[in-house]
């Protein structure tokens, strides 16, 4: 199966850090390309082109909370991913939270055919 593009939550909250840790683990097991929405939101041309060239059917967003900064950043670029995963907000990053996030992301990837 081909690579899945994963646009990640790009904040600094504990939930965002949990998402990043979980995605590092997932990247060791699955064929994913992790993309931050920050450079395109800053208007950096190279990254705007990267976002607009993504296949929506092969792209998902992983949000650290219901603020959905990743999805909103994509929408600002006129792009909608085929799947969005919103994690439960956490107040601290521990192994249990990262494990749960990893399992949730892996399940979403499986649904997308990864």
Protein backbone atom coordinates (compact mmCIF):
# COMPACT_ATOMS: atom_id res chain seq x y z
CA UNK A 1 0.00 0.00 0.00
CA UNK A 2 1.25 3.51 -0.63
CA UNK A 3 2.32 6.05 1.91
CA UNK A 4 -0.23 7.93 3.99
CA UNK A 5 0.36 11.63 4.58
CA UNK A 6 -0.25 12.59 8.20
CA UNK A 7 -0.73 16.25 8.98
CA UNK A 8 -0.05 16.67 12.67
CA UNK A 9 -1.27 18.94 15.38
CA UNK A 10 1.40 21.60 15.68
CA UNK A 11 0.82 23.19 19.07
CA UNK A 12 2.87 23.08 22.25
CA UNK A 13 0.26 21.75 24.66
CA UNK A 14 0.74 18.41 26.38
CA UNK A 15 -1.75 16.92 23.90
CA UNK A 16 0.34 18.14 20.96
CA UNK A 17 3.49 16.67 22.46
CA UNK A 18 1.64 13.39 22.98
CA UNK A 19 0.66 13.34 19.28
CA UNK A 20 4.23 13.97 18.18
CA UNK A 21 5.58 11.18 20.40
CA UNK A 22 2.93 8.76 19.17
CA UNK A 23 3.64 9.66 15.52
CA UNK A 24 7.35 8.98 16.01
CA UNK A 25 6.43 5.49 17.18
CA UNK A 26 3.93 4.98 14.35
CA UNK A 27 6.51 6.09 11.77
CA UNK A 28 8.67 3.13 12.82
CA UNK A 29 5.84 0.71 11.99
CA UNK A 30 3.90 2.23 9.10
CA UNK A 31 4.66 3.96 5.81
CA UNK A 32 3.67 7.52 6.70
CA UNK A 33 4.93 10.98 5.90
CA UNK A 34 4.42 13.36 8.81
CA UNK A 35 3.76 16.97 7.87
CA UNK A 36 3.49 20.00 10.13
CA UNK A 37 0.96 22.61 9.14
CA UNK A 38 3.13 25.47 10.52
CA UNK A 39 5.30 26.20 7.43
CA UNK A 40 2.34 26.39 5.00
CA UNK A 41 0.41 28.54 7.47
CA UNK A 42 3.40 30.88 7.55
CA UNK A 43 3.10 31.21 3.77
CA UNK A 44 6.35 29.47 2.90
CA UNK A 45 5.98 28.69 -0.81
CA UNK A 46 7.77 25.33 -0.83
CA UNK A 47 5.48 24.03 1.89
CA UNK A 48 2.34 25.51 0.34
CA UNK A 49 3.14 23.54 -2.80
CA UNK A 50 3.69 20.39 -0.74
CA UNK A 51 0.26 20.71 0.89
CA UNK A 52 -1.57 21.42 -2.36
CA UNK A 53 0.12 18.45 -4.06
CA UNK A 54 -1.10 15.93 -1.46
CA UNK A 55 -3.70 13.34 -2.43
CA UNK A 56 -6.69 14.00 -0.13
CA UNK A 57 -7.62 10.29 -0.24
CA UNK A 58 -4.17 9.39 1.17
CA UNK A 59 -4.08 12.17 3.79
CA UNK A 60 -5.25 12.25 7.38
CA UNK A 61 -4.98 14.81 10.14
CA UNK A 62 -4.14 13.91 13.72
CA UNK A 63 -5.32 16.56 16.17
CA UNK A 64 -4.16 16.83 19.77
CA UNK A 65 -7.46 18.35 20.86
CA UNK A 66 -10.76 19.66 19.58
CA UNK A 67 -9.11 22.96 18.58
CA UNK A 68 -8.32 21.23 15.26
CA UNK A 69 -5.42 23.50 14.27
CA UNK A 70 -4.22 21.00 11.66
CA UNK A 71 -7.56 20.77 9.88
CA UNK A 72 -8.11 24.52 10.03
CA UNK A 73 -4.63 25.14 8.62
CA UNK A 74 -5.37 22.80 5.72
CA UNK A 75 -8.74 24.44 5.08
CA UNK A 76 -7.01 27.81 4.90
CA UNK A 77 -4.99 26.34 2.02
CA UNK A 78 -8.14 24.99 0.35
CA UNK A 79 -7.38 21.37 1.27
CA UNK A 80 -9.50 18.80 3.08
CA UNK A 81 -8.07 15.49 4.27
CA UNK A 82 -10.13 12.34 3.94
CA UNK A 83 -9.78 11.47 7.63
CA UNK A 84 -9.38 13.43 10.85
CA UNK A 85 -8.49 11.86 14.18
CA UNK A 86 -9.06 13.98 17.29
CA UNK A 87 -7.32 12.83 20.46
CA UNK A 88 -8.60 13.32 23.97
CA UNK A 89 -6.92 16.29 25.59
CA UNK A 90 -4.33 15.34 28.22
CA UNK A 91 -2.80 17.44 30.97
CA UNK A 92 0.50 15.55 31.04
CA UNK A 93 2.37 13.35 28.59
CA UNK A 94 2.86 9.86 29.97
CA UNK A 95 3.40 6.45 28.42
CA UNK A 96 -0.25 5.49 28.85
CA UNK A 97 -1.46 8.53 26.88
CA UNK A 98 1.14 8.03 24.15
CA UNK A 99 0.27 4.31 23.89
CA UNK A 100 -3.43 5.13 23.51
CA UNK A 101 -2.68 7.79 20.87
CA UNK A 102 -0.44 5.37 18.98
CA UNK A 103 -3.16 2.71 18.95
CA UNK A 104 -5.74 5.23 17.76
CA UNK A 105 -3.48 6.44 14.93
CA UNK A 106 -2.64 2.87 13.87
CA UNK A 107 -6.36 1.99 13.78
CA UNK A 108 -7.08 5.06 11.60
CA UNK A 109 -4.25 4.09 9.25
CA UNK A 110 -5.67 0.59 9.00
CA UNK A 111 -9.05 2.06 8.02
CA UNK A 112 -7.26 3.98 5.25
CA UNK A 113 -5.70 0.79 3.96
CA UNK A 114 -2.21 1.15 5.45
